[in-house]
Amino acid sequence: MKRRVLMAWLKRHNCIVEREGKAHTQVYCRGKNASVPRHKEINTFTARGICRDLGIPVIETK
């Protein structure tokens, strides 16, 4: 999945970019943090894990 699709999903669920790092972006949502890798393509299992860590609905891929 594209990173921009995942970031749009996170923003749609009121997640905030806490800090930009060299290799990861720290995202904050509902009192929880998660790291989003800075790759163009993110593995589907990784994207689902990030959603679970933040306590938001899991993103569905087609």
PDB file of N, CA and C in Angstrom:
ATOM      1  N   MET A   1       0.844  -1.160   0.000  1.00  0.00           N
ATOM      2  CA  MET A   1       0.000   0.000   0.000  1.00  0.00           C
ATOM      3  C   MET A   1       0.894   1.228   0.000  1.00  0.00           C
ATOM      4  N   LYS A   2       0.442   2.276  -0.613  1.00  0.00           N
ATOM      5  CA  LYS A   2       1.202   3.522  -0.659  1.00  0.00           C
ATOM      6  C   LYS A   2       1.172   4.215   0.702  1.00  0.00           C
ATOM      7  N   ARG A   3       2.277   4.848   1.048  1.00  0.00           N
ATOM      8  CA  ARG A   3       2.392   5.546   2.328  1.00  0.00           C
ATOM      9  C   ARG A   3       1.377   6.687   2.423  1.00  0.00           C
ATOM     10  N   ARG A   4       1.173   7.384   1.321  1.00  0.00           N
ATOM     11  CA  ARG A   4       0.244   8.522   1.343  1.00  0.00           C
ATOM     12  C   ARG A   4      -1.194   8.073   1.607  1.00  0.00           C
ATOM     13  N   VAL A   5      -1.558   6.868   1.166  1.00  0.00           N
ATOM     14  CA  VAL A   5      -2.893   6.330   1.427  1.00  0.00           C
ATOM     15  C   VAL A   5      -3.040   6.051   2.923  1.00  0.00           C
ATOM     16  N   LEU A   6      -2.015   5.452   3.518  1.00  0.00           N
ATOM     17  CA  LEU A   6      -2.059   5.169   4.953  1.00  0.00           C
ATOM     18  C   LEU A   6      -2.106   6.460   5.766  1.00  0.00           C
ATOM     19  N   MET A   7      -1.295   7.451   5.385  1.00  0.00           N
ATOM     20  CA  MET A   7      -1.281   8.715   6.129  1.00  0.00           C
ATOM     21  C   MET A   7      -2.633   9.426   6.012  1.00  0.00           C
ATOM     22  N   ALA A   8      -3.280   9.351   4.849  1.00  0.00           N
ATOM     23  CA  ALA A   8      -4.607   9.952   4.688  1.00  0.00           C
ATOM     24  C   ALA A   8      -5.624   9.237   5.579  1.00  0.00           C
ATOM     25  N   TRP A   9      -5.517   7.909   5.680  1.00  0.00           N
ATOM     26  CA  TRP A   9      -6.402   7.129   6.554  1.00  0.00           C
ATOM     27  C   TRP A   9      -6.219   7.556   8.003  1.00  0.00           C
ATOM     28  N   LEU A  10      -4.968   7.729   8.420  1.00  0.00           N
ATOM     29  CA  LEU A  10      -4.689   8.132   9.801  1.00  0.00           C
ATOM     30  C   LEU A  10      -5.227   9.533  10.080  1.00  0.00           C
ATOM     31  N   LYS A  11      -5.051  10.452   9.137  1.00  0.00           N
ATOM     32  CA  LYS A  11      -5.557  11.819   9.332  1.00  0.00           C
ATOM     33  C   LYS A  11      -7.079  11.841   9.375  1.00  0.00           C
ATOM     34  N   ARG A  12      -7.717  10.966   8.594  1.00  0.00           N
ATOM     35  CA  ARG A  12      -9.176  10.880   8.584  1.00  0.00           C
ATOM     36  C   ARG A  12      -9.711  10.436   9.941  1.00  0.00           C
ATOM     37  N   HIS A  13      -8.895   9.714  10.701  1.00  0.00           N
ATOM     38  CA  HIS A  13      -9.293   9.240  12.027  1.00  0.00           C
ATOM     39  C   HIS A  13      -8.652  10.080  13.134  1.00  0.00           C
ATOM     40  N   ASN A  14      -8.367  11.341  12.820  1.00  0.00           N
ATOM     41  CA  ASN A  14      -7.891  12.345  13.776  1.00  0.00           C
ATOM     42  C   ASN A  14      -6.547  12.020  14.410  1.00  0.00           C
ATOM     43  N   CYS A  15      -5.668  11.373  13.682  1.00  0.00           N
ATOM     44  CA  CYS A  15      -4.314  11.132  14.162  1.00  0.00           C
ATOM     45  C   CYS A  15      -3.439  12.324  13.785  1.00  0.00           C
ATOM     46  N   ILE A  16      -2.497  12.627  14.645  1.00  0.00           N
ATOM     47  CA  ILE A  16      -1.647  13.797  14.474  1.00  0.00           C
ATOM     48  C   ILE A  16      -0.206  13.342  14.268  1.00  0.00           C
ATOM     49  N   VAL A  17       0.486  13.967  13.313  1.00  0.00           N
ATOM     50  CA  VAL A  17       1.904  13.704  13.133  1.00  0.00           C
ATOM     51  C   VAL A  17       2.637  14.409  14.261  1.00  0.00           C
ATOM     52  N   GLU A  18       3.244  13.616  15.120  1.00  0.00           N
ATOM     53  CA  GLU A  18       3.910  14.152  16.297  1.00  0.00           C
ATOM     54  C   GLU A  18       5.318  14.632  15.960  1.00  0.00           C
ATOM     55  N   ARG A  19       6.026  13.836  15.132  1.00  0.00           N
ATOM     56  CA  ARG A  19       7.406  14.184  14.837  1.00  0.00           C
ATOM     57  C   ARG A  19       7.840  13.447  13.578  1.00  0.00           C
ATOM     58  N   GLU A  20       8.625  14.124  12.750  1.00  0.00           N
ATOM     59  CA  GLU A  20       9.192  13.525  11.548  1.00  0.00           C
ATOM     60  C   GLU A  20      10.631  13.126  11.841  1.00  0.00           C
ATOM     61  N   GLY A  21      10.962  11.877  11.612  1.00  0.00           N
ATOM     62  CA  GLY A  21      12.315  11.403  11.809  1.00  0.00           C
ATOM     63  C   GLY A  21      12.957  11.095  10.470  1.00  0.00           C
ATOM     64  N   LYS A  22      14.163  10.562  10.531  1.00  0.00           N
ATOM     65  CA  LYS A  22      14.878  10.236   9.302  1.00  0.00           C
ATOM     66  C   LYS A  22      14.299   8.993   8.624  1.00  0.00           C
ATOM     67  N   ALA A  23      13.952   7.987   9.429  1.00  0.00           N
ATOM     68  CA  ALA A  23      13.466   6.730   8.870  1.00  0.00           C
ATOM     69  C   ALA A  23      11.998   6.462   9.181  1.00  0.00           C
ATOM     70  N   HIS A  24      11.422   7.153  10.186  1.00  0.00           N
ATOM     71  CA  HIS A  24      10.039   6.912  10.597  1.00  0.00           C
ATOM     72  C   HIS A  24       9.353   8.233  10.929  1.00  0.00           C
ATOM     73  N   THR A  25       8.040   8.206  10.883  1.00  0.00           N
ATOM     74  CA  THR A  25       7.208   9.326  11.326  1.00  0.00           C
ATOM     75  C   THR A  25       6.446   8.857  12.558  1.00  0.00           C
ATOM     76  N   GLN A  26       6.493   9.630  13.624  1.00  0.00           N
ATOM     77  CA  GLN A  26       5.767   9.299  14.841  1.00  0.00           C
ATOM     78  C   GLN A  26       4.361   9.887  14.736  1.00  0.00           C
ATOM     79  N   VAL A  27       3.365   9.041  14.920  1.00  0.00           N
ATOM     80  CA  VAL A  27       1.968   9.448  14.826  1.00  0.00           C
ATOM     81  C   VAL A  27       1.320   9.240  16.191  1.00  0.00           C
ATOM     82  N   TYR A  28       0.492  10.201  16.620  1.00  0.00           N
ATOM     83  CA  TYR A  28      -0.175  10.172  17.919  1.00  0.00           C
ATOM     84  C   TYR A  28      -1.676  10.181  17.690  1.00  0.00           C
ATOM     85  N   CYS A  29      -2.382   9.278  18.390  1.00  0.00           N
ATOM     86  CA  CYS A  29      -3.827   9.202  18.241  1.00  0.00           C
ATOM     87  C   CYS A  29      -4.436   8.517  19.464  1.00  0.00           C
ATOM     88  N   ARG A  30      -5.421   9.155  20.072  1.00  0.00           N
ATOM     89  CA  ARG A  30      -6.150   8.579  21.212  1.00  0.00           C
ATOM     90  C   ARG A  30      -5.235   8.151  22.352  1.00  0.00           C
ATOM     91  N   GLY A  31      -4.209   8.935  22.610  1.00  0.00           N
ATOM     92  CA  GLY A  31      -3.302   8.647  23.714  1.00  0.00           C
ATOM     93  C   GLY A  31      -2.277   7.569  23.419  1.00  0.00           C
ATOM     94  N   LYS A  32      -2.151   7.166  22.156  1.00  0.00           N
ATOM     95  CA  LYS A  32      -1.210   6.119  21.781  1.00  0.00           C
ATOM     96  C   LYS A  32      -0.300   6.618  20.663  1.00  0.00           C
ATOM     97  N   ASN A  33       0.903   6.055  20.593  1.00  0.00           N
ATOM     98  CA  ASN A  33       1.871   6.413  19.562  1.00  0.00           C
ATOM     99  C   ASN A  33       2.147   5.219  18.669  1.00  0.00           C
ATOM    100  N   ALA A  34       2.550   5.513  17.415  1.00  0.00           N
ATOM    101  CA  ALA A  34       2.986   4.471  16.487  1.00  0.00           C
ATOM    102  C   ALA A  34       3.999   5.079  15.526  1.00  0.00           C
ATOM    103  N   SER A  35       4.863   4.245  14.999  1.00  0.00           N
ATOM    104  CA  SER A  35       5.861   4.673  14.018  1.00  0.00           C
ATOM    105  C   SER A  35       5.430   4.215  12.636  1.00  0.00           C
ATOM    106  N   VAL A  36       5.438   5.136  11.688  1.00  0.00           N
ATOM    107  CA  VAL A  36       5.110   4.826  10.297  1.00  0.00           C
ATOM    108  C   VAL A  36       6.405   4.918   9.498  1.00  0.00           C
ATOM    109  N   PRO A  37       6.808   3.826   8.832  1.00  0.00           N
ATOM    110  CA  PRO A  37       8.055   3.866   8.058  1.00  0.00           C
ATOM    111  C   PRO A  37       7.973   4.863   6.912  1.00  0.00           C
ATOM    112  N   ARG A  38       9.128   5.414   6.540  1.00  0.00           N
ATOM    113  CA  ARG A  38       9.169   6.402   5.466  1.00  0.00           C
ATOM    114  C   ARG A  38       9.578   5.744   4.156  1.00  0.00           C
ATOM    115  N   HIS A  39       8.791   4.749   3.742  1.00  0.00           N
ATOM    116  CA  HIS A  39       8.982   4.071   2.465  1.00  0.00           C
ATOM    117  C   HIS A  39       7.808   4.430   1.574  1.00  0.00           C
ATOM    118  N   LYS A  40       8.001   4.360   0.263  1.00  0.00           N
ATOM    119  CA  LYS A  40       6.888   4.628  -0.648  1.00  0.00           C
ATOM    120  C   LYS A  40       5.814   3.560  -0.518  1.00  0.00           C
ATOM    121  N   GLU A  41       6.231   2.311  -0.374  1.00  0.00           N
ATOM    122  CA  GLU A  41       5.312   1.185  -0.213  1.00  0.00           C
ATOM    123  C   GLU A  41       5.442   0.633   1.203  1.00  0.00           C
ATOM    124  N   ILE A  42       4.312   0.423   1.860  1.00  0.00           N
ATOM    125  CA  ILE A  42       4.282  -0.136   3.205  1.00  0.00           C
ATOM    126  C   ILE A  42       3.524  -1.455   3.136  1.00  0.00           C
ATOM    127  N   ASN A  43       4.089  -2.474   3.747  1.00  0.00           N
ATOM    128  CA  ASN A  43       3.490  -3.792   3.772  1.00  0.00           C
ATOM    129  C   ASN A  43       2.086  -3.715   4.392  1.00  0.00           C
ATOM    130  N   THR A  44       1.155  -4.471   3.858  1.00  0.00           N
ATOM    131  CA  THR A  44      -0.231  -4.463   4.346  1.00  0.00           C
ATOM    132  C   THR A  44      -0.308  -4.864   5.818  1.00  0.00           C
ATOM    133  N   PHE A  45       0.483  -5.852   6.219  1.00  0.00           N
ATOM    134  CA  PHE A  45       0.464  -6.298   7.612  1.00  0.00           C
ATOM    135  C   PHE A  45       0.990  -5.211   8.537  1.00  0.00           C
ATOM    136  N   THR A  46       1.970  -4.460   8.080  1.00  0.00           N
ATOM    137  CA  THR A  46       2.508  -3.354   8.871  1.00  0.00           C
ATOM    138  C   THR A  46       1.453  -2.263   9.031  1.00  0.00           C
ATOM    139  N   ALA A  47       0.743  -1.931   7.955  1.00  0.00           N
ATOM    140  CA  ALA A  47      -0.292  -0.899   8.009  1.00  0.00           C
ATOM    141  C   ALA A  47      -1.413  -1.305   8.962  1.00  0.00           C
ATOM    142  N   ARG A  48      -1.815  -2.567   8.922  1.00  0.00           N
ATOM    143  CA  ARG A  48      -2.861  -3.043   9.830  1.00  0.00           C
ATOM    144  C   ARG A  48      -2.394  -2.995  11.277  1.00  0.00           C
ATOM    145  N   GLY A  49      -1.130  -3.337  11.508  1.00  0.00           N
ATOM    146  CA  GLY A  49      -0.565  -3.286  12.853  1.00  0.00           C
ATOM    147  C   GLY A  49      -0.518  -1.876  13.401  1.00  0.00           C
ATOM    148  N   ILE A  50      -0.197  -0.911  12.549  1.00  0.00           N
ATOM    149  CA  ILE A  50      -0.168   0.491  12.970  1.00  0.00           C
ATOM    150  C   ILE A  50      -1.570   0.930  13.387  1.00  0.00           C
ATOM    151  N   CYS A  51      -2.571   0.557  12.607  1.00  0.00           N
ATOM    152  CA  CYS A  51      -3.959   0.908  12.942  1.00  0.00           C
ATOM    153  C   CYS A  51      -4.375   0.276  14.265  1.00  0.00           C
ATOM    154  N   ARG A  52      -4.024  -0.974  14.476  1.00  0.00           N
ATOM    155  CA  ARG A  52      -4.360  -1.642  15.736  1.00  0.00           C
ATOM    156  C   ARG A  52      -3.650  -0.977  16.910  1.00  0.00           C
ATOM    157  N   ASP A  53      -2.385  -0.611  16.728  1.00  0.00           N
ATOM    158  CA  ASP A  53      -1.623   0.045  17.792  1.00  0.00           C
ATOM    159  C   ASP A  53      -2.253   1.371  18.196  1.00  0.00           C
ATOM    160  N   LEU A  54      -2.823   2.081  17.229  1.00  0.00           N
ATOM    161  CA  LEU A  54      -3.423   3.388  17.503  1.00  0.00           C
ATOM    162  C   LEU A  54      -4.875   3.286  17.951  1.00  0.00           C
ATOM    163  N   GLY A  55      -5.470   2.110  17.847  1.00  0.00           N
ATOM    164  CA  GLY A  55      -6.852   1.937  18.284  1.00  0.00           C
ATOM    165  C   GLY A  55      -7.874   2.506  17.328  1.00  0.00           C
ATOM    166  N   ILE A  56      -7.558   2.516  16.027  1.00  0.00           N
ATOM    167  CA  ILE A  56      -8.494   3.003  15.025  1.00  0.00           C
ATOM    168  C   ILE A  56      -8.902   1.822  14.138  1.00  0.00           C
ATOM    169  N   PRO A  57      -9.965   1.967  13.333  1.00  0.00           N
ATOM    170  CA  PRO A  57     -10.364   0.872  12.452  1.00  0.00           C
ATOM    171  C   PRO A  57      -9.227   0.480  11.506  1.00  0.00           C
ATOM    172  N   VAL A  58      -9.108  -0.804  11.262  1.00  0.00           N
ATOM    173  CA  VAL A  58      -8.051  -1.320  10.386  1.00  0.00           C
ATOM    174  C   VAL A  58      -8.360  -0.946   8.958  1.00  0.00           C
ATOM    175  N   ILE A  59      -7.341  -0.462   8.257  1.00  0.00           N
ATOM    176  CA  ILE A  59      -7.521  -0.054   6.863  1.00  0.00           C
ATOM    177  C   ILE A  59      -7.723  -1.288   6.003  1.00  0.00           C
ATOM    178  N   GLU A  60      -8.670  -1.234   5.110  1.00  0.00           N
ATOM    179  CA  GLU A  60      -8.973  -2.342   4.208  1.00  0.00           C
ATOM    180  C   GLU A  60      -8.329  -2.072   2.866  1.00  0.00           C
ATOM    181  N   THR A  61      -7.670  -3.081   2.322  1.00  0.00           N
ATOM    182  CA  THR A  61      -7.065  -2.957   1.000  1.00  0.00           C
ATOM    183  C   THR A  61      -7.838  -3.793   0.016  1.00  0.00           C
ATOM    184  N   LYS A  62      -7.742  -3.412  -1.229  1.00  0.00           N
ATOM    185  CA  LYS A  62      -8.497  -4.108  -2.272  1.00  0.00           C
ATOM    186  C   LYS A  62      -7.595  -5.019  -3.046  1.00  0.00           C
TER     187      LYS A  62
END
